[in-house]
C-alpha atoms as a PDB file:
ATOM      1  CA  UNK A   1      55.463 -18.664   1.875  1.00  0.00           C
ATOM      2  CA  UNK A   2      56.579 -17.030   5.124  1.00  0.00           C
ATOM      3  CA  UNK A   3      54.523 -18.169   8.221  1.00  0.00           C
ATOM      4  CA  UNK A   4      54.576 -15.789  11.127  1.00  0.00           C
ATOM      5  CA  UNK A   5      52.790 -15.182  14.457  1.00  0.00           C
ATOM      6  CA  UNK A   6      49.845 -12.983  14.519  1.00  0.00           C
ATOM      7  CA  UNK A   7      47.012 -12.160  17.025  1.00  0.00           C
ATOM      8  CA  UNK A   8      43.287 -11.814  16.376  1.00  0.00           C
ATOM      9  CA  UNK A   9      42.192  -8.352  17.594  1.00  0.00           C
ATOM     10  CA  UNK A  10      38.723  -9.691  18.071  1.00  0.00           C
ATOM     11  CA  UNK A  11      39.095 -12.774  20.262  1.00  0.00           C
ATOM     12  CA  UNK A  12      42.875 -12.535  21.086  1.00  0.00           C
ATOM     13  CA  UNK A  13      43.777 -15.982  19.750  1.00  0.00           C
ATOM     14  CA  UNK A  14      47.351 -16.589  18.553  1.00  0.00           C
ATOM     15  CA  UNK A  15      47.464 -17.327  14.813  1.00  0.00           C
ATOM     16  CA  UNK A  16      50.015 -18.565  12.346  1.00  0.00           C
ATOM     17  CA  UNK A  17      49.551 -16.925   9.071  1.00  0.00           C
ATOM     18  CA  UNK A  18      51.178 -16.495   5.676  1.00  0.00           C
ATOM     19  CA  UNK A  19      52.646 -12.958   5.675  1.00  0.00           C
ATOM     20  CA  UNK A  20      52.172 -12.785   1.873  1.00  0.00           C
ATOM     21  CA  UNK A  21      48.350 -12.726   2.246  1.00  0.00           C
ATOM     22  CA  UNK A  22      46.496  -9.564   2.491  1.00  0.00           C
ATOM     23  CA  UNK A  23      43.460 -10.818   4.494  1.00  0.00           C
ATOM     24  CA  UNK A  24      42.347 -13.942   6.186  1.00  0.00           C
ATOM     25  CA  UNK A  25      39.679 -15.238   8.605  1.00  0.00           C
ATOM     26  CA  UNK A  26      40.281 -16.163  12.207  1.00  0.00           C
ATOM     27  CA  UNK A  27      40.231 -19.941  12.815  1.00  0.00           C
ATOM     28  CA  UNK A  28      38.797 -19.408  16.425  1.00  0.00           C
ATOM     29  CA  UNK A  29      35.997 -16.769  16.021  1.00  0.00           C
ATOM     30  CA  UNK A  30      35.584 -16.553  12.261  1.00  0.00           C
ATOM     31  CA  UNK A  31      36.261 -12.782  12.154  1.00  0.00           C
ATOM     32  CA  UNK A  32      38.099 -11.590   8.959  1.00  0.00           C
ATOM     33  CA  UNK A  33      41.221  -9.543   9.537  1.00  0.00           C
ATOM     34  CA  UNK A  34      44.000  -7.761   7.660  1.00  0.00           C
ATOM     35  CA  UNK A  35      46.984  -9.999   7.963  1.00  0.00           C
ATOM     36  CA  UNK A  36      49.668  -7.186   8.446  1.00  0.00           C
ATOM     37  CA  UNK A  37      47.525  -5.504  11.086  1.00  0.00           C
ATOM     38  CA  UNK A  38      47.141  -8.642  13.049  1.00  0.00           C
ATOM     39  CA  UNK A  39      50.897  -9.320  12.857  1.00  0.00           C
ATOM     40  CA  UNK A  40      51.616  -5.743  14.074  1.00  0.00           C
ATOM     41  CA  UNK A  41      49.030  -6.285  16.773  1.00  0.00           C
ATOM     42  CA  UNK A  42      50.683  -9.484  17.980  1.00  0.00           C
ATOM     43  CA  UNK A  43      54.198  -7.781  18.054  1.00  0.00           C
ATOM     44  CA  UNK A  44      52.842  -4.770  19.950  1.00  0.00           C
ATOM     45  CA  UNK A  45      51.113  -6.922  22.488  1.00  0.00           C
ATOM     46  CA  UNK A  46      53.996  -9.217  22.951  1.00  0.00           C
ATOM     47  CA  UNK A  47      56.396  -6.267  23.519  1.00  0.00           C
ATOM     48  CA  UNK A  48      53.941  -4.865  26.190  1.00  0.00           C
ATOM     49  CA  UNK A  49      53.767  -8.267  27.917  1.00  0.00           C
ATOM     50  CA  UNK A  50      57.593  -8.454  28.033  1.00  0.00           C
ATOM     51  CA  UNK A  51      57.897  -5.001  29.278  1.00  0.00           C
ATOM     52  CA  UNK A  52      55.297  -5.159  31.999  1.00  0.00           C
ATOM     53  CA  UNK A  53      55.221  -8.899  32.681  1.00  0.00           C
ATOM     54  CA  UNK A  54      51.457  -8.953  33.197  1.00  0.00           C
ATOM     55  CA  UNK A  55      48.240  -9.438  31.288  1.00  0.00           C
ATOM     56  CA  UNK A  56      47.153  -6.517  29.127  1.00  0.00           C
ATOM     57  CA  UNK A  57      43.535  -5.873  29.078  1.00  0.00           C
ATOM     58  CA  UNK A  58      42.175  -4.683  25.697  1.00  0.00           C
ATOM     59  CA  UNK A  59      40.212  -1.468  26.106  1.00  0.00           C
ATOM     60  CA  UNK A  60      37.168  -0.411  23.881  1.00  0.00           C
ATOM     61  CA  UNK A  61      39.522   1.298  21.593  1.00  0.00           C
ATOM     62  CA  UNK A  62      41.510  -1.839  20.972  1.00  0.00           C
ATOM     63  CA  UNK A  63      38.191  -3.769  20.460  1.00  0.00           C
ATOM     64  CA  UNK A  64      37.009  -0.994  18.141  1.00  0.00           C
ATOM     65  CA  UNK A  65      40.353  -1.325  16.269  1.00  0.00           C
ATOM     66  CA  UNK A  66      39.862  -4.990  15.860  1.00  0.00           C
ATOM     67  CA  UNK A  67      36.310  -4.445  14.602  1.00  0.00           C
ATOM     68  CA  UNK A  68      37.599  -1.813  12.160  1.00  0.00           C
ATOM     69  CA  UNK A  69      40.230  -4.262  10.857  1.00  0.00           C
ATOM     70  CA  UNK A  70      37.478  -6.973  10.489  1.00  0.00           C
ATOM     71  CA  UNK A  71      35.248  -4.440   8.635  1.00  0.00           C
ATOM     72  CA  UNK A  72      38.079  -3.556   6.195  1.00  0.00           C
ATOM     73  CA  UNK A  73      38.722  -7.212   5.604  1.00  0.00           C
ATOM     74  CA  UNK A  74      34.987  -7.814   4.799  1.00  0.00           C
ATOM     75  CA  UNK A  75      35.057  -4.827   2.417  1.00  0.00           C
ATOM     76  CA  UNK A  76      38.133  -6.428   0.570  1.00  0.00           C
ATOM     77  CA  UNK A  77      36.117  -9.610   0.446  1.00  0.00           C
ATOM     78  CA  UNK A  78      33.088  -7.858  -1.046  1.00  0.00           C
ATOM     79  CA  UNK A  79      30.974  -8.866   2.002  1.00  0.00           C
ATOM     80  CA  UNK A  80      29.304  -5.476   2.497  1.00  0.00           C
ATOM     81  CA  UNK A  81      26.529  -6.583   4.954  1.00  0.00           C
ATOM     82  CA  UNK A  82      29.057  -8.140   7.368  1.00  0.00           C
ATOM     83  CA  UNK A  83      31.202  -5.048   6.969  1.00  0.00           C
ATOM     84  CA  UNK A  84      28.345  -2.864   7.726  1.00  0.00           C
ATOM     85  CA  UNK A  85      27.710  -4.695  10.951  1.00  0.00           C
ATOM     86  CA  UNK A  86      31.327  -4.307  12.013  1.00  0.00           C
ATOM     87  CA  UNK A  87      31.395  -0.535  11.199  1.00  0.00           C
ATOM     88  CA  UNK A  88      28.136  -0.007  13.287  1.00  0.00           C
ATOM     89  CA  UNK A  89      29.931  -1.652  16.185  1.00  0.00           C
ATOM     90  CA  UNK A  90      32.957   0.625  15.665  1.00  0.00           C
ATOM     91  CA  UNK A  91      30.780   3.781  15.650  1.00  0.00           C
ATOM     92  CA  UNK A  92      28.998   2.604  18.764  1.00  0.00           C
ATOM     93  CA  UNK A  93      32.287   1.985  20.631  1.00  0.00           C
ATOM     94  CA  UNK A  94      34.165   4.970  19.395  1.00  0.00           C
ATOM     95  CA  UNK A  95      31.843   7.461  17.740  1.00  0.00           C
ATOM     96  CA  UNK A  96      34.611  10.009  17.659  1.00  0.00           C
ATOM     97  CA  UNK A  97      36.400   7.875  14.918  1.00  0.00           C
ATOM     98  CA  UNK A  98      35.336   9.326  11.623  1.00  0.00           C
ATOM     99  CA  UNK A  99      36.802   6.337   9.885  1.00  0.00           C
ATOM    100  CA  UNK A 100      33.932   4.194  11.222  1.00  0.00           C
ATOM    101  CA  UNK A 101      31.282   6.580   9.918  1.00  0.00           C
ATOM    102  CA  UNK A 102      33.010   6.706   6.490  1.00  0.00           C
ATOM    103  CA  UNK A 103      33.277   2.949   6.394  1.00  0.00           C
ATOM    104  CA  UNK A 104      29.613   2.703   7.357  1.00  0.00           C
ATOM    105  CA  UNK A 105      28.707   4.886   4.346  1.00  0.00           C
ATOM    106  CA  UNK A 106      30.956   2.763   1.921  1.00  0.00           C
ATOM    107  CA  UNK A 107      29.595  -0.545   3.211  1.00  0.00           C
ATOM    108  CA  UNK A 108      25.961   0.683   3.231  1.00  0.00           C
ATOM    109  CA  UNK A 109      26.285   1.749  -0.440  1.00  0.00           C
ATOM    110  CA  UNK A 110      28.375  -1.225  -1.551  1.00  0.00           C
ATOM    111  CA  UNK A 111      31.101   1.253  -2.418  1.00  0.00           C
ATOM    112  CA  UNK A 112      28.607   3.678  -4.048  1.00  0.00           C
ATOM    113  CA  UNK A 113      27.060   1.003  -6.369  1.00  0.00           C
ATOM    114  CA  UNK A 114      23.897   0.022  -4.415  1.00  0.00           C
ATOM    115  CA  UNK A 115      20.558   1.404  -5.776  1.00  0.00           C
ATOM    116  CA  UNK A 116      18.697   3.412  -3.138  1.00  0.00           C
ATOM    117  CA  UNK A 117      15.298   4.978  -3.420  1.00  0.00           C
ATOM    118  CA  UNK A 118      13.685   5.708  -0.004  1.00  0.00           C
ATOM    119  CA  UNK A 119      13.996   8.881   1.871  1.00  0.00           C
ATOM    120  CA  UNK A 120      15.007   7.008   5.025  1.00  0.00           C
ATOM    121  CA  UNK A 121      18.036   5.600   3.161  1.00  0.00           C
ATOM    122  CA  UNK A 122      19.195   8.950   2.090  1.00  0.00           C
ATOM    123  CA  UNK A 123      18.743  10.348   5.622  1.00  0.00           C
ATOM    124  CA  UNK A 124      20.906   7.530   7.054  1.00  0.00           C
ATOM    125  CA  UNK A 125      23.795   8.372   4.787  1.00  0.00           C
ATOM    126  CA  UNK A 126      23.448  12.089   5.325  1.00  0.00           C
ATOM    127  CA  UNK A 127      23.440  11.512   9.148  1.00  0.00           C
ATOM    128  CA  UNK A 128      26.703   9.486   8.713  1.00  0.00           C
ATOM    129  CA  UNK A 129      28.142  12.270   6.502  1.00  0.00           C
ATOM    130  CA  UNK A 130      27.388  14.790   9.239  1.00  0.00           C
ATOM    131  CA  UNK A 131      29.307  12.766  11.739  1.00  0.00           C
ATOM    132  CA  UNK A 132      32.308  12.611   9.240  1.00  0.00           C
ATOM    133  CA  UNK A 133      32.149  16.381   9.125  1.00  0.00           C
ATOM    134  CA  UNK A 134      32.195  16.715  12.814  1.00  0.00           C
ATOM    135  CA  UNK A 135      34.963  14.342  13.633  1.00  0.00           C
ATOM    136  CA  UNK A 136      37.209  14.262  10.455  1.00  0.00           C
ATOM    137  CA  UNK A 137      40.386  16.411  10.568  1.00  0.00           C
ATOM    138  CA  UNK A 138      39.681  20.082   9.593  1.00  0.00           C
ATOM    139  CA  UNK A 139      39.633  20.652   5.863  1.00  0.00           C
ATOM    140  CA  UNK A 140      39.336  16.949   4.921  1.00  0.00           C
ATOM    141  CA  UNK A 141      35.586  16.260   5.102  1.00  0.00           C
ATOM    142  CA  UNK A 142      34.793  17.841   1.809  1.00  0.00           C
ATOM    143  CA  UNK A 143      37.156  15.579  -0.030  1.00  0.00           C
ATOM    144  CA  UNK A 144      36.166  12.502   2.024  1.00  0.00           C
ATOM    145  CA  UNK A 145      32.453  13.002   1.292  1.00  0.00           C
ATOM    146  CA  UNK A 146      32.721  14.029  -2.366  1.00  0.00           C
ATOM    147  CA  UNK A 147      32.041  10.550  -3.625  1.00  0.00           C
ATOM    148  CA  UNK A 148      29.016  10.320  -1.456  1.00  0.00           C
ATOM    149  CA  UNK A 149      27.674  13.637  -2.663  1.00  0.00           C
ATOM    150  CA  UNK A 150      28.098  12.632  -6.304  1.00  0.00           C
ATOM    151  CA  UNK A 151      26.414   9.192  -5.491  1.00  0.00           C
ATOM    152  CA  UNK A 152      23.396  10.733  -3.746  1.00  0.00           C
ATOM    153  CA  UNK A 153      22.942  13.258  -6.485  1.00  0.00           C
ATOM    154  CA  UNK A 154      22.989  10.461  -9.144  1.00  0.00           C
ATOM    155  CA  UNK A 155      20.572   8.411  -7.155  1.00  0.00           C
ATOM    156  CA  UNK A 156      18.128  11.306  -6.919  1.00  0.00           C
ATOM    157  CA  UNK A 157      18.307  11.779 -10.714  1.00  0.00           C
ATOM    158  CA  UNK A 158      17.401   8.048 -11.279  1.00  0.00           C
ATOM    159  CA  UNK A 159      14.645   8.265  -8.797  1.00  0.00           C
ATOM    160  CA  UNK A 160      13.216  11.281 -10.720  1.00  0.00           C
ATOM    161  CA  UNK A 161      12.486   8.977 -13.704  1.00  0.00           C
ATOM    162  CA  UNK A 162      10.807   6.443 -11.374  1.00  0.00           C
ATOM    163  CA  UNK A 163       8.788   9.118  -9.808  1.00  0.00           C
ATOM    164  CA  UNK A 164       7.570  10.387 -13.064  1.00  0.00           C
ATOM    165  CA  UNK A 165       6.669   6.862 -14.171  1.00  0.00           C
ATOM    166  CA  UNK A 166       4.742   6.410 -10.955  1.00  0.00           C
ATOM    167  CA  UNK A 167       2.949   9.746 -11.392  1.00  0.00           C
ATOM    168  CA  UNK A 168       1.983   8.698 -14.930  1.00  0.00           C
ATOM    169  CA  UNK A 169       0.684   5.365 -13.402  1.00  0.00           C
ATOM    170  CA  UNK A 170      -1.446   7.285 -10.956  1.00  0.00           C
ATOM    171  CA  UNK A 171      -2.942   9.397 -13.765  1.00  0.00           C
ATOM    172  CA  UNK A 172      -3.755   6.338 -15.774  1.00  0.00           C
ATOM    173  CA  UNK A 173      -5.639   4.770 -12.905  1.00  0.00           C
ATOM    174  CA  UNK A 174      -7.576   8.078 -12.348  1.00  0.00           C
ATOM    175  CA  UNK A 175      -8.593   7.981 -15.924  1.00  0.00           C
ATOM    176  CA  UNK A 176      -9.971   4.523 -15.407  1.00  0.00           C
ATOM    177  CA  UNK A 177     -12.266   5.921 -12.672  1.00  0.00           C
ATOM    178  CA  UNK A 178     -14.030   8.405 -15.113  1.00  0.00           C
ATOM    179  CA  UNK A 179     -16.230   5.940 -17.020  1.00  0.00           C
ATOM    180  CA  UNK A 180     -16.913   4.019 -13.783  1.00  0.00           C
ATOM    181  CA  UNK A 181     -18.085   7.161 -12.055  1.00  0.00           C
ATOM    182  CA  UNK A 182     -20.242   7.994 -15.115  1.00  0.00           C
ATOM    183  CA  UNK A 183     -21.753   4.639 -14.922  1.00  0.00           C
ATOM    184  CA  UNK A 184     -22.440   5.099 -11.167  1.00  0.00           C
ATOM    185  CA  UNK A 185     -24.092   8.484 -11.727  1.00  0.00           C
ATOM    186  CA  UNK A 186     -26.288   7.068 -14.351  1.00  0.00           C
ATOM    187  CA  UNK A 187     -27.309   4.264 -12.143  1.00  0.00           C
ATOM    188  CA  UNK A 188     -27.955   6.414  -9.179  1.00  0.00           C
ATOM    189  CA  UNK A 189     -30.125   8.749 -11.326  1.00  0.00           C
ATOM    190  CA  UNK A 190     -32.101   5.839 -12.762  1.00  0.00           C
ATOM    191  CA  UNK A 191     -32.529   4.486  -9.132  1.00  0.00           C
ATOM    192  CA  UNK A 192     -33.831   7.828  -8.018  1.00  0.00           C
ATOM    193  CA  UNK A 193     -36.399   7.752 -10.838  1.00  0.00           C
ATOM    194  CA  UNK A 194     -37.507   4.261 -10.037  1.00  0.00           C
ATOM    195  CA  UNK A 195     -37.853   5.158  -6.371  1.00  0.00           C
ATOM    196  CA  UNK A 196     -40.100   8.147  -7.320  1.00  0.00           C
ATOM    197  CA  UNK A 197     -42.256   5.871  -9.560  1.00  0.00           C
ATOM    198  CA  UNK A 198     -42.581   3.306  -6.665  1.00  0.00           C
ATOM    199  CA  UNK A 199     -43.656   5.981  -4.312  1.00  0.00           C
ATOM    200  CA  UNK A 200     -46.142   7.395  -6.896  1.00  0.00           C
ATOM    201  CA  UNK A 201     -47.427   3.831  -7.492  1.00  0.00           C
ATOM    202  CA  UNK A 202     -48.006   3.604  -3.656  1.00  0.00           C
ATOM    203  CA  UNK A 203     -49.949   6.772  -3.577  1.00  0.00           C
ATOM    204  CA  UNK A 204     -52.114   5.650  -6.511  1.00  0.00           C
ATOM    205  CA  UNK A 205     -52.698   2.149  -5.212  1.00  0.00           C
ATOM    206  CA  UNK A 206     -56.291   2.617  -4.558  1.00  0.00           C
ATOM    207  CA  UNK A 207     -56.964   5.197  -7.141  1.00  0.00           C
ATOM    208  CA  UNK A 208     -57.970   4.205 -10.687  1.00  0.00           C
ATOM    209  CA  UNK A 209     -55.632   5.196 -13.441  1.00  0.00           C
ATOM    210  CA  UNK A 210     -56.630   6.202 -17.016  1.00  0.00           C
ATOM    211  CA  UNK A 211     -56.493   2.579 -18.345  1.00  0.00           C
ATOM    212  CA  UNK A 212     -58.637   1.180 -15.515  1.00  0.00           C
ATOM    213  CA  UNK A 213     -61.088   4.172 -15.901  1.00  0.00           C
ATOM    214  CA  UNK A 214     -61.600   3.352 -19.538  1.00  0.00           C
ATOM    215  CA  UNK A 215     -62.073  -0.337 -18.795  1.00  0.00           C
ATOM    216  CA  UNK A 216     -64.427   0.517 -16.032  1.00  0.00           C
ATOM    217  CA  UNK A 217     -66.449   2.799 -18.295  1.00  0.00           C
ATOM    218  CA  UNK A 218     -66.647   0.147 -20.814  1.00  0.00           C
ATOM    219  CA  UNK A 219     -67.965  -2.480 -18.346  1.00  0.00           C
ATOM    220  CA  UNK A 220     -70.227   0.180 -16.561  1.00  0.00           C
ATOM    221  CA  UNK A 221     -71.950   0.553 -19.898  1.00  0.00           C
ATOM    222  CA  UNK A 222     -72.400  -3.098 -20.193  1.00  0.00           C
ATOM    223  CA  UNK A 223     -73.638  -3.533 -16.709  1.00  0.00           C
ATOM    224  CA  UNK A 224     -75.878  -0.455 -16.980  1.00  0.00           C
ATOM    225  CA  UNK A 225     -77.554  -1.975 -19.982  1.00  0.00           C
ATOM    226  CA  UNK A 226     -77.940  -5.282 -18.267  1.00  0.00           C
ATOM    227  CA  UNK A 227     -79.390  -3.753 -15.215  1.00  0.00           C
ATOM    228  CA  UNK A 228     -81.795  -1.538 -17.165  1.00  0.00           C
ATOM    229  CA  UNK A 229     -83.138  -4.666 -18.966  1.00  0.00           C
ATOM    230  CA  UNK A 230     -83.448  -6.506 -15.694  1.00  0.00           C
ATOM    231  CA  UNK A 231     -85.260  -3.629 -14.134  1.00  0.00           C
ATOM    232  CA  UNK A 232     -87.664  -3.486 -16.999  1.00  0.00           C
ATOM    233  CA  UNK A 233     -88.249  -7.184 -16.583  1.00  0.00           C
ATOM    234  CA  UNK A 234     -88.606  -6.973 -12.746  1.00  0.00           C
ATOM    235  CA  UNK A 235     -92.209  -6.890 -11.329  1.00  0.00           C
ATOM    236  CA  UNK A 236     -91.381  -5.684  -7.705  1.00  0.00           C
ATOM    237  CA  UNK A 237     -89.328  -2.895  -6.121  1.00  0.00           C
ATOM    238  CA  UNK A 238     -87.360  -5.534  -4.209  1.00  0.00           C
ATOM    239  CA  UNK A 239     -86.292  -7.101  -7.494  1.00  0.00           C
ATOM    240  CA  UNK A 240     -85.114  -3.708  -8.805  1.00  0.00           C
ATOM    241  CA  UNK A 241     -83.103  -2.960  -5.782  1.00  0.00           C
ATOM    242  CA  UNK A 242     -81.471  -6.492  -5.798  1.00  0.00           C
ATOM    243  CA  UNK A 243     -80.486  -6.052  -9.380  1.00  0.00           C
ATOM    244  CA  UNK A 244     -78.948  -2.673  -8.701  1.00  0.00           C
ATOM    245  CA  UNK A 245     -77.036  -3.670  -5.581  1.00  0.00           C
ATOM    246  CA  UNK A 246     -75.623  -6.948  -7.049  1.00  0.00           C
ATOM    247  CA  UNK A 247     -74.676  -5.077 -10.309  1.00  0.00           C
ATOM    248  CA  UNK A 248     -72.933  -2.312  -8.368  1.00  0.00           C
ATOM    249  CA  UNK A 249     -71.134  -4.770  -6.175  1.00  0.00           C
ATOM    250  CA  UNK A 250     -69.948  -6.815  -9.131  1.00  0.00           C
ATOM    251  CA  UNK A 251     -68.702  -3.637 -10.885  1.00  0.00           C
ATOM    252  CA  UNK A 252     -66.826  -2.479  -7.720  1.00  0.00           C
ATOM    253  CA  UNK A 253     -65.165  -5.826  -7.298  1.00  0.00           C
ATOM    254  CA  UNK A 254     -64.185  -5.895 -11.048  1.00  0.00           C
ATOM    255  CA  UNK A 255     -62.712  -2.329 -11.014  1.00  0.00           C
ATOM    256  CA  UNK A 256     -60.736  -3.173  -7.670  1.00  0.00           C
ATOM    257  CA  UNK A 257     -59.352  -6.283  -9.270  1.00  0.00           C
ATOM    258  CA  UNK A 258     -58.076  -4.359 -12.317  1.00  0.00           C
ATOM    259  CA  UNK A 259     -56.378  -1.792 -10.124  1.00  0.00           C
ATOM    260  CA  UNK A 260     -54.813  -4.405  -7.944  1.00  0.00           C
ATOM    261  CA  UNK A 261     -53.560  -6.289 -10.886  1.00  0.00           C
ATOM    262  CA  UNK A 262     -52.033  -3.208 -12.598  1.00  0.00           C
ATOM    263  CA  UNK A 263     -50.423  -2.029  -9.364  1.00  0.00           C
ATOM    264  CA  UNK A 264     -48.833  -5.406  -8.545  1.00  0.00           C
ATOM    265  CA  UNK A 265     -47.508  -5.706 -12.162  1.00  0.00           C
ATOM    266  CA  UNK A 266     -46.019  -2.192 -12.146  1.00  0.00           C
ATOM    267  CA  UNK A 267     -44.644  -2.311  -8.603  1.00  0.00           C
ATOM    268  CA  UNK A 268     -43.082  -5.645  -9.364  1.00  0.00           C
ATOM    269  CA  UNK A 269     -41.466  -4.440 -12.476  1.00  0.00           C
ATOM    270  CA  UNK A 270     -40.150  -1.316 -10.759  1.00  0.00           C
ATOM    271  CA  UNK A 271     -38.724  -3.536  -7.866  1.00  0.00           C
ATOM    272  CA  UNK A 272     -36.833  -5.706 -10.478  1.00  0.00           C
ATOM    273  CA  UNK A 273     -35.431  -2.627 -12.029  1.00  0.00           C
ATOM    274  CA  UNK A 274     -34.481  -1.288  -8.568  1.00  0.00           C
ATOM    275  CA  UNK A 275     -32.540  -4.521  -7.732  1.00  0.00           C
ATOM    276  CA  UNK A 276     -30.715  -4.366 -11.121  1.00  0.00           C
ATOM    277  CA  UNK A 277     -29.579  -0.800 -10.382  1.00  0.00           C
ATOM    278  CA  UNK A 278     -28.559  -1.593  -6.946  1.00  0.00           C
ATOM    279  CA  UNK A 279     -26.481  -4.398  -8.208  1.00  0.00           C
ATOM    280  CA  UNK A 280     -24.782  -2.112 -10.844  1.00  0.00           C
ATOM    281  CA  UNK A 281     -24.001   0.403  -8.222  1.00  0.00           C
ATOM    282  CA  UNK A 282     -22.384  -2.124  -5.901  1.00  0.00           C
ATOM    283  CA  UNK A 283     -20.295  -3.393  -8.731  1.00  0.00           C
ATOM    284  CA  UNK A 284     -19.060  -0.043  -9.815  1.00  0.00           C
ATOM    285  CA  UNK A 285     -18.437   0.999  -6.213  1.00  0.00           C
ATOM    286  CA  UNK A 286     -16.214  -2.138  -5.759  1.00  0.00           C
ATOM    287  CA  UNK A 287     -14.357  -1.301  -8.950  1.00  0.00           C
ATOM    288  CA  UNK A 288     -13.732   2.233  -7.693  1.00  0.00           C
ATOM    289  CA  UNK A 289     -12.551   0.977  -4.340  1.00  0.00           C
ATOM    290  CA  UNK A 290     -10.045  -1.452  -6.063  1.00  0.00           C
ATOM    291  CA  UNK A 291      -8.719   1.287  -8.307  1.00  0.00           C
ATOM    292  CA  UNK A 292      -8.467   3.694  -5.380  1.00  0.00           C
ATOM    293  CA  UNK A 293      -6.510   1.109  -3.372  1.00  0.00           C
ATOM    294  CA  UNK A 294      -4.053   0.883  -6.237  1.00  0.00           C
ATOM    295  CA  UNK A 295      -3.711   4.661  -6.483  1.00  0.00           C
ATOM    296  CA  UNK A 296      -3.160   4.917  -2.699  1.00  0.00           C
ATOM    297  CA  UNK A 297      -0.562   2.224  -2.749  1.00  0.00           C
ATOM    298  CA  UNK A 298       1.373   3.804  -5.630  1.00  0.00           C
ATOM    299  CA  UNK A 299       1.070   7.220  -3.952  1.00  0.00           C
ATOM    300  CA  UNK A 300       2.411   5.792  -0.724  1.00  0.00           C
ATOM    301  CA  UNK A 301       5.427   4.315  -2.553  1.00  0.00           C
ATOM    302  CA  UNK A 302       5.916   7.617  -4.355  1.00  0.00           C
ATOM    303  CA  UNK A 303       5.940   9.606  -1.135  1.00  0.00           C
ATOM    304  CA  UNK A 304       8.651   7.419   0.308  1.00  0.00           C
ATOM    305  CA  UNK A 305      11.014   7.965  -2.647  1.00  0.00           C
ATOM    306  CA  UNK A 306      13.589  10.745  -2.420  1.00  0.00           C
END
């Protein structure tokens, strides 16, 4: 072990480190750093302090350098999320440094191993790649971005399989709608017929139908024979009139009762049928809505995949 002086490029603390190590973490601010870079930084700052005999203020570029070293240390430790945060700070402080944009790509993709699906993720990396093309030395960007191009192409191929599965899922859900829609149409047609019958029954409410007519004729025959016999037995015109009026009134009330009974029975049965059909329609409409919600959800996810 060879312990030497080093300086944290993030907080400026003086550190004592083992020069044989590749990376370590600052005891003062917790920022990871590359050991050799921190040693070099300490030596350079010390030389400047001796030469100028004053305090050297660290500029944004120095701060970015420290962030960049921290990000590289995080990458070596496999802490990609922390490295990504540091690279974002670097690109904010010194956007002209292509290394920060390239590091942001590598950290965001976990060194090209992370699975990505969304269009927004692809766009983020493509924007970073554009920055590398702008700021990287002439003729180097193609080689620097080759791993990213291959990675994105591979991810798109994997996503194609997922998209096909989701499209198949949508088709399966749509096929589930067919029998439900058929059932709904049948119920609505039946409901229309029931409504027509109820309307017809309303119109015929005070009109005798065929059954009531037969019954009425049957009883008219009976009443007529009774009335004729009573008339024959009557001695005065008043008796004859009384017999005819009472018999006619009784016959009218009897026929009205039959019509009312038949109307009430038929109307009630149609009403029950109507309620059942409405319940069926409500049920199938809810089923359709649930399936359509599933279709919309899958379609939304499908639209977001690159």
